[in-house]
Amino acid sequence: ASGNKFWVPKNKPIRPDTPCRFSPEPPPAEGGTEWVALRTAAVEE
């Protein structure tokens, strides 16, 4: 539903109040936070 993107902060610990989320676009860059998207993938062998 989110375009295969789950956003987490880059190089920062994830806390209970961290606004990670599924969405096509990253959360707002508050406090200089950079976001990186996790995606699902199947391994081809």
All heavy atoms as atom14 arrays in JSON, in Angstrom:
{
  "sequence": "ASGNKFWVPKNKPIRPDTPCRFSPEPPPAEGGTEWVALRTAAVEE",
  "atom14_mask": [
    [1, 1, 1, 1, 1, 0, 0, 0, 0, 0, 0, 0, 0, 0],
    [1, 1, 1, 1, 1, 1, 0, 0, 0, 0, 0, 0, 0, 0],
    [1, 1, 1, 1, 0, 0, 0, 0, 0, 0, 0, 0, 0, 0],
    [1, 1, 1, 1, 1, 1, 1, 1, 0, 0, 0, 0, 0, 0],
    [1, 1, 1, 1, 1, 1, 1, 1, 1, 0, 0, 0, 0, 0],
    [1, 1, 1, 1, 1, 1, 1, 1, 1, 1, 1, 0, 0, 0],
    [1, 1, 1, 1, 1, 1, 1, 1, 1, 1, 1, 1, 1, 1],
    [1, 1, 1, 1, 1, 1, 1, 0, 0, 0, 0, 0, 0, 0],
    [1, 1, 1, 1, 1, 1, 1, 0, 0, 0, 0, 0, 0, 0],
    [1, 1, 1, 1, 1, 1, 1, 1, 1, 0, 0, 0, 0, 0],
    [1, 1, 1, 1, 1, 1, 1, 1, 0, 0, 0, 0, 0, 0],
    [1, 1, 1, 1, 1, 1, 1, 1, 1, 0, 0, 0, 0, 0],
    [1, 1, 1, 1, 1, 1, 1, 0, 0, 0, 0, 0, 0, 0],
    [1, 1, 1, 1, 1, 1, 1, 1, 0, 0, 0, 0, 0, 0],
    [1, 1, 1, 1, 1, 1, 1, 1, 1, 1, 1, 0, 0, 0],
    [1, 1, 1, 1, 1, 1, 1, 0, 0, 0, 0, 0, 0, 0],
    [1, 1, 1, 1, 1, 1, 1, 1, 0, 0, 0, 0, 0, 0],
    [1, 1, 1, 1, 1, 1, 1, 0, 0, 0, 0, 0, 0, 0],
    [1, 1, 1, 1, 1, 1, 1, 0, 0, 0, 0, 0, 0, 0],
    [1, 1, 1, 1, 1, 1, 0, 0, 0, 0, 0, 0, 0, 0],
    [1, 1, 1, 1, 1, 1, 1, 1, 1, 1, 1, 0, 0, 0],
    [1, 1, 1, 1, 1, 1, 1, 1, 1, 1, 1, 0, 0, 0],
    [1, 1, 1, 1, 1, 1, 0, 0, 0, 0, 0, 0, 0, 0],
    [1, 1, 1, 1, 1, 1, 1, 0, 0, 0, 0, 0, 0, 0],
    [1, 1, 1, 1, 1, 1, 1, 1, 1, 0, 0, 0, 0, 0],
    [1, 1, 1, 1, 1, 1, 1, 0, 0, 0, 0, 0, 0, 0],
    [1, 1, 1, 1, 1, 1, 1, 0, 0, 0, 0, 0, 0, 0],
    [1, 1, 1, 1, 1, 1, 1, 0, 0, 0, 0, 0, 0, 0],
    [1, 1, 1, 1, 1, 0, 0, 0, 0, 0, 0, 0, 0, 0],
    [1, 1, 1, 1, 1, 1, 1, 1, 1, 0, 0, 0, 0, 0],
    [1, 1, 1, 1, 0, 0, 0, 0, 0, 0, 0, 0, 0, 0],
    [1, 1, 1, 1, 0, 0, 0, 0, 0, 0, 0, 0, 0, 0],
    [1, 1, 1, 1, 1, 1, 1, 0, 0, 0, 0, 0, 0, 0],
    [1, 1, 1, 1, 1, 1, 1, 1, 1, 0, 0, 0, 0, 0],
    [1, 1, 1, 1, 1, 1, 1, 1, 1, 1, 1, 1, 1, 1],
    [1, 1, 1, 1, 1, 1, 1, 0, 0, 0, 0, 0, 0, 0],
    [1, 1, 1, 1, 1, 0, 0, 0, 0, 0, 0, 0, 0, 0],
    [1, 1, 1, 1, 1, 1, 1, 1, 0, 0, 0, 0, 0, 0],
    [1, 1, 1, 1, 1, 1, 1, 1, 1, 1, 1, 0, 0, 0],
    [1, 1, 1, 1, 1, 1, 1, 0, 0, 0, 0, 0, 0, 0],
    [1, 1, 1, 1, 1, 0, 0, 0, 0, 0, 0, 0, 0, 0],
    [1, 1, 1, 1, 1, 0, 0, 0, 0, 0, 0, 0, 0, 0],
    [1, 1, 1, 1, 1, 1, 1, 0, 0, 0, 0, 0, 0, 0],
    [1, 1, 1, 1, 1, 1, 1, 1, 1, 0, 0, 0, 0, 0],
    [1, 1, 1, 1, 1, 1, 1, 1, 1, 0, 0, 0, 0, 0]
  ],
  "atom14_positions": [
    [[0.81, -1.22, 0.0], [0.0, 0.0, 0.0], [0.85, 1.27, 0.0], [0.38, 2.33, -0.42], [-0.93, -0.01, 1.22], [0.0, 0.0, 0.0], [0.0, 0.0, 0.0], [0.0, 0.0, 0.0], [0.0, 0.0, 0.0], [0.0, 0.0, 0.0], [0.0, 0.0, 0.0], [0.0, 0.0, 0.0], [0.0, 0.0, 0.0], [0.0, 0.0, 0.0]],
    [[2.09, 1.17, 0.48], [2.94, 2.37, 0.58], [3.91, 2.51, -0.58], [4.83, 3.34, -0.51], [3.73, 2.31, 1.88], [4.64, 1.22, 1.86], [0.0, 0.0, 0.0], [0.0, 0.0, 0.0], [0.0, 0.0, 0.0], [0.0, 0.0, 0.0], [0.0, 0.0, 0.0], [0.0, 0.0, 0.0], [0.0, 0.0, 0.0], [0.0, 0.0, 0.0]],
    [[3.72, 1.73, -1.63], [4.68, 1.78, -2.72], [5.98, 1.08, -2.36], [7.05, 1.45, -2.84], [0.0, 0.0, 0.0], [0.0, 0.0, 0.0], [0.0, 0.0, 0.0], [0.0, 0.0, 0.0], [0.0, 0.0, 0.0], [0.0, 0.0, 0.0], [0.0, 0.0, 0.0], [0.0, 0.0, 0.0], [0.0, 0.0, 0.0], [0.0, 0.0, 0.0]],
    [[5.9, 0.08, -1.47], [7.06, -0.71, -1.03], [8.12, 0.15, -0.34], [9.31, 0.02, -0.59], [7.69, -1.46, -2.21], [8.6, -2.6, -1.77], [8.4, -3.16, -0.69], [9.58, -2.93, -2.58], [0.0, 0.0, 0.0], [0.0, 0.0, 0.0], [0.0, 0.0, 0.0], [0.0, 0.0, 0.0], [0.0, 0.0, 0.0], [0.0, 0.0, 0.0]],
    [[7.67, 1.02, 0.58], [8.6, 1.87, 1.31], [8.19, 1.98, 2.78], [7.04, 2.28, 3.09], [8.64, 3.28, 0.71], [9.24, 3.34, -0.7], [9.25, 4.77, -1.22], [9.82, 4.81, -2.62], [9.82, 6.2, -3.17], [0.0, 0.0, 0.0], [0.0, 0.0, 0.0], [0.0, 0.0, 0.0], [0.0, 0.0, 0.0], [0.0, 0.0, 0.0]],
    [[9.15, 1.7, 3.65], [8.99, 1.93, 5.08], [10.17, 2.77, 5.52], [11.33, 2.37, 5.4], [8.96, 0.6, 5.85], [8.84, 0.79, 7.34], [7.66, 1.22, 7.91], [9.92, 0.53, 8.18], [7.53, 1.39, 9.27], [9.81, 0.7, 9.55], [8.61, 1.14, 10.1], [0.0, 0.0, 0.0], [0.0, 0.0, 0.0], [0.0, 0.0, 0.0]],
    [[9.9, 3.97, 6.04], [10.94, 4.96, 6.3], [11.46, 4.86, 7.73], [10.7, 4.82, 8.69], [10.39, 6.37, 6.05], [9.98, 6.56, 4.61], [8.74, 6.37, 4.09], [10.82, 6.95, 3.54], [8.74, 6.61, 2.75], [10.01, 6.99, 2.37], [12.17, 7.27, 3.42], [10.52, 7.33, 1.12], [12.68, 7.62, 2.18], [11.86, 7.65, 1.05]],
    [[12.8, 4.83, 7.87], [13.47, 4.81, 9.16], [14.56, 5.86, 9.16], [15.08, 6.23, 8.1], [14.09, 3.42, 9.46], [13.02, 2.35, 9.54], [15.14, 3.06, 8.42], [0.0, 0.0, 0.0], [0.0, 0.0, 0.0], [0.0, 0.0, 0.0], [0.0, 0.0, 0.0], [0.0, 0.0, 0.0], [0.0, 0.0, 0.0], [0.0, 0.0, 0.0]],
    [[14.96, 6.41, 10.32], [16.01, 7.42, 10.35], [17.36, 6.82, 9.99], [17.69, 5.7, 10.37], [15.99, 7.92, 11.8], [15.37, 6.82, 12.58], [14.39, 6.16, 11.66], [0.0, 0.0, 0.0], [0.0, 0.0, 0.0], [0.0, 0.0, 0.0], [0.0, 0.0, 0.0], [0.0, 0.0, 0.0], [0.0, 0.0, 0.0], [0.0, 0.0, 0.0]],
    [[18.16, 7.59, 9.27], [19.47, 7.13, 8.84], [20.51, 7.39, 9.94], [20.62, 8.49, 10.45], [19.88, 7.87, 7.56], [21.22, 7.42, 6.98], [21.51, 8.19, 5.7], [22.84, 7.75, 5.09], [23.15, 8.5, 3.84], [0.0, 0.0, 0.0], [0.0, 0.0, 0.0], [0.0, 0.0, 0.0], [0.0, 0.0, 0.0], [0.0, 0.0, 0.0]],
    [[21.24, 6.33, 10.31], [22.33, 6.44, 11.29], [21.88, 6.96, 12.65], [22.63, 7.64, 13.35], [23.47, 7.33, 10.75], [24.07, 6.79, 9.47], [24.14, 5.57, 9.28], [24.5, 7.69, 8.59], [0.0, 0.0, 0.0], [0.0, 0.0, 0.0], [0.0, 0.0, 0.0], [0.0, 0.0, 0.0], [0.0, 0.0, 0.0], [0.0, 0.0, 0.0]],
    [[20.65, 6.66, 13.03], [20.14, 7.05, 14.34], [19.35, 5.9, 14.94], [18.72, 5.12, 14.2], [19.24, 8.3, 14.25], [19.99, 9.58, 13.94], [19.05, 10.77, 14.03], [19.78, 12.09, 13.79], [18.87, 13.25, 13.89], [0.0, 0.0, 0.0], [0.0, 0.0, 0.0], [0.0, 0.0, 0.0], [0.0, 0.0, 0.0], [0.0, 0.0, 0.0]],
    [[19.36, 5.76, 16.26], [18.58, 4.68, 16.87], [17.08, 4.92, 16.71], [16.62, 6.08, 16.67], [19.0, 4.73, 18.34], [19.48, 6.13, 18.56], [20.1, 6.57, 17.27], [0.0, 0.0, 0.0], [0.0, 0.0, 0.0], [0.0, 0.0, 0.0], [0.0, 0.0, 0.0], [0.0, 0.0, 0.0], [0.0, 0.0, 0.0], [0.0, 0.0, 0.0]],
    [[16.32, 3.85, 16.63], [14.87, 3.94, 16.52], [14.28, 3.82, 17.92], [14.5, 2.84, 18.63], [14.32, 2.83, 15.61], [14.89, 2.97, 14.19], [12.8, 2.86, 15.57], [14.46, 1.87, 13.25], [0.0, 0.0, 0.0], [0.0, 0.0, 0.0], [0.0, 0.0, 0.0], [0.0, 0.0, 0.0], [0.0, 0.0, 0.0], [0.0, 0.0, 0.0]],
    [[13.52, 4.84, 18.34], [12.91, 4.89, 19.66], [11.39, 4.73, 19.53], [10.84, 4.85, 18.42], [13.25, 6.2, 20.36], [14.76, 6.45, 20.42], [15.06, 7.75, 21.17], [16.48, 8.06, 21.15], [17.39, 7.5, 21.95], [17.01, 6.6, 22.84], [18.67, 7.82, 21.85], [0.0, 0.0, 0.0], [0.0, 0.0, 0.0], [0.0, 0.0, 0.0]],
    [[10.71, 4.46, 20.65], [9.25, 4.3, 20.56], [8.53, 5.49, 19.95], [7.48, 5.34, 19.31], [8.83, 4.07, 22.02], [10.04, 3.48, 22.67], [11.21, 4.14, 21.99], [0.0, 0.0, 0.0], [0.0, 0.0, 0.0], [0.0, 0.0, 0.0], [0.0, 0.0, 0.0], [0.0, 0.0, 0.0], [0.0, 0.0, 0.0], [0.0, 0.0, 0.0]],
    [[9.08, 6.71, 20.15], [8.41, 7.91, 19.61], [8.95, 8.33, 18.25], [8.56, 9.38, 17.73], [8.55, 9.07, 20.6], [10.01, 9.39, 20.91], [10.89, 8.58, 20.57], [10.28, 10.46, 21.49], [0.0, 0.0, 0.0], [0.0, 0.0, 0.0], [0.0, 0.0, 0.0], [0.0, 0.0, 0.0], [0.0, 0.0, 0.0], [0.0, 0.0, 0.0]],
    [[9.86, 7.52, 17.65], [10.37, 7.86, 16.32], [9.27, 7.67, 15.29], [8.66, 6.6, 15.23], [11.58, 6.98, 15.96], [12.59, 7.11, 16.96], [12.16, 7.38, 14.61], [0.0, 0.0, 0.0], [0.0, 0.0, 0.0], [0.0, 0.0, 0.0], [0.0, 0.0, 0.0], [0.0, 0.0, 0.0], [0.0, 0.0, 0.0], [0.0, 0.0, 0.0]],
    [[8.99, 8.69, 14.45], [7.85, 8.6, 13.52], [8.15, 7.79, 12.26], [8.02, 8.29, 11.13], [7.59, 10.08, 13.18], [8.92, 10.73, 13.29], [9.62, 10.02, 14.42], [0.0, 0.0, 0.0], [0.0, 0.0, 0.0], [0.0, 0.0, 0.0], [0.0, 0.0, 0.0], [0.0, 0.0, 0.0], [0.0, 0.0, 0.0], [0.0, 0.0, 0.0]],
    [[8.59, 6.53, 12.43], [8.76, 5.65, 11.28], [7.38, 5.36, 10.68], [6.39, 5.29, 11.42], [9.43, 4.35, 11.69], [11.03, 4.55, 12.49], [0.0, 0.0, 0.0], [0.0, 0.0, 0.0], [0.0, 0.0, 0.0], [0.0, 0.0, 0.0], [0.0, 0.0, 0.0], [0.0, 0.0, 0.0], [0.0, 0.0, 0.0], [0.0, 0.0, 0.0]],
    [[7.32, 5.17, 9.38], [6.0, 4.92, 8.81], [6.1, 4.36, 7.4], [7.11, 4.51, 6.72], [5.18, 6.21, 8.78], [5.7, 7.27, 7.83], [4.93, 8.56, 8.01], [5.27, 9.56, 7.02], [4.87, 10.82, 7.08], [4.11, 11.21, 8.1], [5.2, 11.68, 6.15], [0.0, 0.0, 0.0], [0.0, 0.0, 0.0], [0.0, 0.0, 0.0]],
    [[5.0, 3.69, 7.01], [4.82, 3.28, 5.63], [4.23, 4.45, 4.86], [3.17, 4.98, 5.22], [3.85, 2.09, 5.53], [4.39, 0.8, 6.09], [4.03, 0.38, 7.37], [5.24, 0.01, 5.34], [4.52, -0.82, 7.88], [5.73, -1.2, 5.85], [5.37, -1.61, 7.12], [0.0, 0.0, 0.0], [0.0, 0.0, 0.0], [0.0, 0.0, 0.0]],
    [[4.88, 4.88, 3.79], [4.33, 5.95, 2.96], [5.2, 6.08, 1.71], [6.39, 5.74, 1.72], [4.3, 7.28, 3.71], [5.61, 7.74, 3.98], [0.0, 0.0, 0.0], [0.0, 0.0, 0.0], [0.0, 0.0, 0.0], [0.0, 0.0, 0.0], [0.0, 0.0, 0.0], [0.0, 0.0, 0.0], [0.0, 0.0, 0.0], [0.0, 0.0, 0.0]],
    [[4.6, 6.56, 0.62], [5.41, 6.76, -0.59], [6.5, 7.82, -0.41], [7.54, 7.75, -1.05], [4.38, 7.21, -1.62], [3.06, 6.73, -1.1], [3.17, 6.81, 0.39], [0.0, 0.0, 0.0], [0.0, 0.0, 0.0], [0.0, 0.0, 0.0], [0.0, 0.0, 0.0], [0.0, 0.0, 0.0], [0.0, 0.0, 0.0], [0.0, 0.0, 0.0]],
    [[6.26, 8.79, 0.48], [7.23, 9.87, 0.7], [7.77, 9.8, 2.12], [7.09, 9.34, 3.04], [6.56, 11.23, 0.47], [5.98, 11.41, -0.93], [7.05, 11.35, -2.0], [8.2, 11.75, -1.7], [6.75, 10.89, -3.11], [0.0, 0.0, 0.0], [0.0, 0.0, 0.0], [0.0, 0.0, 0.0], [0.0, 0.0, 0.0], [0.0, 0.0, 0.0]],
    [[9.0, 10.29, 2.35], [9.58, 10.24, 3.69], [8.89, 11.21, 4.64], [8.26, 12.18, 4.21], [11.04, 10.66, 3.46], [11.0, 11.49, 2.23], [9.93, 10.88, 1.36], [0.0, 0.0, 0.0], [0.0, 0.0, 0.0], [0.0, 0.0, 0.0], [0.0, 0.0, 0.0], [0.0, 0.0, 0.0], [0.0, 0.0, 0.0], [0.0, 0.0, 0.0]],
    [[8.99, 10.96, 5.96], [8.45, 11.91, 6.94], [9.17, 13.25, 6.84], [10.25, 13.34, 6.24], [8.74, 11.22, 8.28], [8.94, 9.78, 7.96], [9.54, 9.76, 6.59], [0.0, 0.0, 0.0], [0.0, 0.0, 0.0], [0.0, 0.0, 0.0], [0.0, 0.0, 0.0], [0.0, 0.0, 0.0], [0.0, 0.0, 0.0], [0.0, 0.0, 0.0]],
    [[8.64, 14.29, 7.44], [9.31, 15.6, 7.41], [10.7, 15.52, 8.05], [10.92, 14.82, 9.04], [8.38, 16.5, 8.24], [7.05, 15.83, 8.18], [7.32, 14.36, 8.12], [0.0, 0.0, 0.0], [0.0, 0.0, 0.0], [0.0, 0.0, 0.0], [0.0, 0.0, 0.0], [0.0, 0.0, 0.0], [0.0, 0.0, 0.0], [0.0, 0.0, 0.0]],
    [[11.65, 16.23, 7.47], [13.03, 16.22, 7.96], [13.16, 17.15, 9.16], [13.71, 18.25, 9.08], [13.98, 16.63, 6.85], [0.0, 0.0, 0.0], [0.0, 0.0, 0.0], [0.0, 0.0, 0.0], [0.0, 0.0, 0.0], [0.0, 0.0, 0.0], [0.0, 0.0, 0.0], [0.0, 0.0, 0.0], [0.0, 0.0, 0.0], [0.0, 0.0, 0.0]],
    [[12.62, 16.72, 10.3], [12.67, 17.54, 11.52], [13.98, 17.31, 12.27], [14.41, 16.17, 12.43], [11.48, 17.22, 12.41], [10.13, 17.49, 11.75], [8.98, 17.05, 12.63], [9.25, 16.48, 13.71], [7.82, 17.27, 12.25], [0.0, 0.0, 0.0], [0.0, 0.0, 0.0], [0.0, 0.0, 0.0], [0.0, 0.0, 0.0], [0.0, 0.0, 0.0]],
    [[14.58, 18.38, 12.74], [15.81, 18.26, 13.51], [16.97, 17.7, 12.71], [17.88, 17.09, 13.28], [0.0, 0.0, 0.0], [0.0, 0.0, 0.0], [0.0, 0.0, 0.0], [0.0, 0.0, 0.0], [0.0, 0.0, 0.0], [0.0, 0.0, 0.0], [0.0, 0.0, 0.0], [0.0, 0.0, 0.0], [0.0, 0.0, 0.0], [0.0, 0.0, 0.0]],
    [[16.95, 17.9, 11.42], [18.04, 17.42, 10.58], [18.04, 15.93, 10.35], [19.05, 15.36, 9.91], [0.0, 0.0, 0.0], [0.0, 0.0, 0.0], [0.0, 0.0, 0.0], [0.0, 0.0, 0.0], [0.0, 0.0, 0.0], [0.0, 0.0, 0.0], [0.0, 0.0, 0.0], [0.0, 0.0, 0.0], [0.0, 0.0, 0.0], [0.0, 0.0, 0.0]],
    [[16.91, 15.26, 10.64], [16.84, 13.81, 10.46], [16.78, 13.44, 8.99], [15.96, 13.97, 8.24], [15.61, 13.23, 11.18], [15.69, 13.55, 12.57], [15.56, 11.72, 11.03], [0.0, 0.0, 0.0], [0.0, 0.0, 0.0], [0.0, 0.0, 0.0], [0.0, 0.0, 0.0], [0.0, 0.0, 0.0], [0.0, 0.0, 0.0], [0.0, 0.0, 0.0]],
    [[17.66, 12.55, 8.57], [17.6, 11.99, 7.23], [16.88, 10.66, 7.28], [17.03, 9.9, 8.25], [19.0, 11.8, 6.65], [19.76, 13.1, 6.41], [21.09, 12.82, 5.73], [21.07, 12.21, 4.64], [22.13, 13.19, 6.3], [0.0, 0.0, 0.0], [0.0, 0.0, 0.0], [0.0, 0.0, 0.0], [0.0, 0.0, 0.0], [0.0, 0.0, 0.0]],
    [[16.12, 10.36, 6.25], [15.33, 9.15, 6.23], [15.77, 8.23, 5.1], [16.16, 8.69, 4.03], [13.83, 9.48, 6.07], [13.3, 10.29, 7.21], [13.29, 11.66, 7.32], [12.75, 9.78, 8.42], [12.75, 12.03, 8.52], [12.4, 10.9, 9.22], [12.5, 8.51, 8.91], [11.83, 10.77, 10.47], [11.91, 8.38, 10.15], [11.59, 9.5, 10.92]],
    [[15.7, 6.94, 5.36], [16.04, 5.95, 4.34], [14.9, 4.95, 4.27], [14.27, 4.63, 5.3], [17.37, 5.25, 4.67], [17.3, 4.52, 6.0], [17.77, 4.28, 3.56], [0.0, 0.0, 0.0], [0.0, 0.0, 0.0], [0.0, 0.0, 0.0], [0.0, 0.0, 0.0], [0.0, 0.0, 0.0], [0.0, 0.0, 0.0], [0.0, 0.0, 0.0]],
    [[14.59, 4.49, 3.08], [13.45, 3.59, 2.88], [13.91, 2.13, 2.9], [14.88, 1.77, 2.22], [12.75, 3.9, 1.57], [0.0, 0.0, 0.0], [0.0, 0.0, 0.0], [0.0, 0.0, 0.0], [0.0, 0.0, 0.0], [0.0, 0.0, 0.0], [0.0, 0.0, 0.0], [0.0, 0.0, 0.0], [0.0, 0.0, 0.0], [0.0, 0.0, 0.0]],
    [[13.22, 1.32, 3.69], [13.4, -0.13, 3.62], [12.39, -0.69, 2.62], [11.23, -0.28, 2.59], [13.18, -0.76, 5.0], [14.08, -0.3, 6.14], [13.76, -1.09, 7.4], [15.53, -0.43, 5.78], [0.0, 0.0, 0.0], [0.0, 0.0, 0.0], [0.0, 0.0, 0.0], [0.0, 0.0, 0.0], [0.0, 0.0, 0.0], [0.0, 0.0, 0.0]],
    [[12.83, -1.65, 1.83], [11.97, -2.23, 0.81], [12.01, -3.75, 0.91], [12.98, -4.32, 1.4], [12.42, -1.81, -0.6], [12.49, -0.3, -0.81], [13.23, 0.02, -2.11], [13.4, 1.46, -2.3], [12.58, 2.22, -3.01], [11.54, 1.67, -3.6], [12.8, 3.51, -3.15], [0.0, 0.0, 0.0], [0.0, 0.0, 0.0], [0.0, 0.0, 0.0]],
    [[10.96, -4.39, 0.45], [10.96, -5.85, 0.4], [11.57, -6.29, -0.93], [11.5, -5.59, -1.94], [9.54, -6.4, 0.51], [8.74, -5.88, -0.56], [8.91, -6.04, 1.84], [0.0, 0.0, 0.0], [0.0, 0.0, 0.0], [0.0, 0.0, 0.0], [0.0, 0.0, 0.0], [0.0, 0.0, 0.0], [0.0, 0.0, 0.0], [0.0, 0.0, 0.0]],
    [[12.18, -7.46, -0.9], [12.79, -8.01, -2.11], [12.84, -9.52, -1.99], [12.97, -10.07, -0.9], [14.2, -7.45, -2.32], [0.0, 0.0, 0.0], [0.0, 0.0, 0.0], [0.0, 0.0, 0.0], [0.0, 0.0, 0.0], [0.0, 0.0, 0.0], [0.0, 0.0, 0.0], [0.0, 0.0, 0.0], [0.0, 0.0, 0.0], [0.0, 0.0, 0.0]],
    [[12.73, -10.18, -3.1], [12.91, -11.63, -3.16], [14.3, -11.9, -3.71], [14.76, -11.22, -4.62], [11.85, -12.26, -4.06], [0.0, 0.0, 0.0], [0.0, 0.0, 0.0], [0.0, 0.0, 0.0], [0.0, 0.0, 0.0], [0.0, 0.0, 0.0], [0.0, 0.0, 0.0], [0.0, 0.0, 0.0], [0.0, 0.0, 0.0], [0.0, 0.0, 0.0]],
    [[14.98, -12.88, -3.14], [16.32, -13.21, -3.6], [16.23, -14.19, -4.75], [15.6, -15.25, -4.65], [17.17, -13.8, -2.45], [18.55, -14.21, -2.96], [17.29, -12.79, -1.32], [0.0, 0.0, 0.0], [0.0, 0.0, 0.0], [0.0, 0.0, 0.0], [0.0, 0.0, 0.0], [0.0, 0.0, 0.0], [0.0, 0.0, 0.0], [0.0, 0.0, 0.0]],
    [[16.85, -13.85, -5.86], [16.83, -14.69, -7.05], [18.06, -15.58, -7.06], [19.19, -15.11, -6.93], [16.81, -13.81, -8.3], [16.71, -14.59, -9.59], [16.73, -13.65, -10.78], [17.74, -12.94, -10.94], [15.73, -13.6, -11.52], [0.0, 0.0, 0.0], [0.0, 0.0, 0.0], [0.0, 0.0, 0.0], [0.0, 0.0, 0.0], [0.0, 0.0, 0.0]],
    [[17.85, -16.87, -7.18], [18.95, -17.83, -7.17], [18.65, -18.91, -8.18], [17.55, -19.46, -8.21], [19.11, -18.43, -5.78], [20.42, -19.18, -5.56], [20.32, -20.64, -5.96], [19.21, -21.18, -5.89], [21.34, -21.22, -6.34], [0.0, 0.0, 0.0], [0.0, 0.0, 0.0], [0.0, 0.0, 0.0], [0.0, 0.0, 0.0], [0.0, 0.0, 0.0]]
  ]
}
